[in-house]
Protein backbone atom coordinates (compact mmCIF):
# COMPACT_ATOMS: atom_id res chain seq x y z
CA MET A 1 -60.77 42.77 21.41
CA ALA A 2 -61.91 43.49 24.97
CA PRO A 3 -61.95 47.13 26.17
CA VAL A 4 -59.11 48.27 28.42
CA ARG A 5 -59.99 48.32 32.12
CA THR A 6 -58.43 50.47 34.78
CA PRO A 7 -56.02 49.22 35.97
CA ASN A 8 -54.86 47.64 32.72
CA VAL A 9 -54.12 44.13 34.02
CA ALA A 10 -55.37 40.65 33.25
CA PRO A 11 -58.93 40.26 34.63
CA ASN A 12 -58.00 37.26 36.79
CA CYS A 13 -54.76 38.78 38.10
CA VAL A 14 -54.43 38.61 41.88
CA ASN A 15 -53.61 42.34 41.98
CA VAL A 16 -56.94 43.55 40.59
CA PRO A 17 -58.61 45.56 43.37
CA ARG A 18 -61.94 44.25 44.61
CA ARG A 19 -65.11 46.30 44.21
CA ASN A 20 -67.29 46.83 47.26
CA GLY A 21 -71.08 46.75 47.41
CA ASP A 22 -71.26 50.42 46.39
CA GLY A 23 -69.18 49.74 43.26
CA PHE A 24 -66.04 51.48 44.49
CA GLU A 25 -62.64 50.02 43.68
CA GLU A 26 -61.18 49.05 47.06
CA LEU A 27 -58.05 51.18 46.84
CA CYS A 28 -57.36 54.32 48.85
CA HIS A 29 -56.41 56.92 46.25
CA LEU A 30 -54.58 60.13 47.13
CA VAL A 31 -55.90 63.49 45.94
CA GLU A 32 -54.86 67.13 46.08
CA MET A 33 -57.07 69.63 47.89
CA SER A 34 -57.29 71.70 44.69
CA ASP A 35 -58.91 68.75 42.82
CA PRO A 36 -60.43 66.25 45.29
CA ASP A 37 -62.34 64.41 42.53
CA THR A 38 -59.22 63.27 40.67
CA ALA A 39 -56.66 60.92 42.20
CA LEU A 40 -52.98 61.58 41.66
CA CYS A 41 -52.92 58.51 39.39
CA GLY A 42 -55.61 60.10 37.20
CA LYS A 43 -58.59 58.03 38.33
CA ASP A 44 -61.91 59.83 38.76
CA VAL A 45 -62.74 59.38 42.45
CA THR A 46 -65.88 61.52 42.55
CA GLY A 47 -68.07 60.23 45.38
CA TYR A 48 -65.41 57.91 46.84
CA PRO A 49 -65.32 57.73 50.64
CA TRP A 50 -62.59 59.69 52.44
CA ASN A 51 -59.84 57.66 54.14
CA PRO A 52 -61.29 54.21 53.51
CA PRO A 53 -59.66 51.23 55.26
CA TRP A 54 -58.28 49.89 51.97
CA PRO A 55 -54.70 49.51 50.72
CA ARG A 56 -53.24 52.69 49.23
CA CYS A 57 -52.91 53.02 45.48
CA LYS A 58 -49.22 52.42 44.72
CA ALA A 59 -49.32 54.76 41.70
CA CYS A 60 -50.72 57.60 43.83
CA GLU A 61 -48.07 56.99 46.49
CA GLU A 62 -45.25 57.04 43.96
CA ILE A 63 -46.53 60.23 42.32
CA SER A 64 -46.89 61.90 45.73
CA ARG A 65 -43.18 61.19 46.34
CA GLY A 66 -42.29 62.84 43.04
CA GLY A 67 -41.75 59.61 41.12
CA MET A 68 -43.60 58.10 38.22
CA ASN A 69 -45.64 54.89 38.24
């Protein structure tokens, strides 16, 4: 059995975020100032660029509105 990837979707799914040349998942994750290395969705974003021109993480957006993903 293959290991679970984040996000847990089929590898060839059209919704899998691309990875750029630096190895970063091309999603703009939201963080709290108290913990800037962890996205609201739980992903470790240590070293990620600030405010990249990528689509926002839908899970982070939903959590920031008080909902669940």
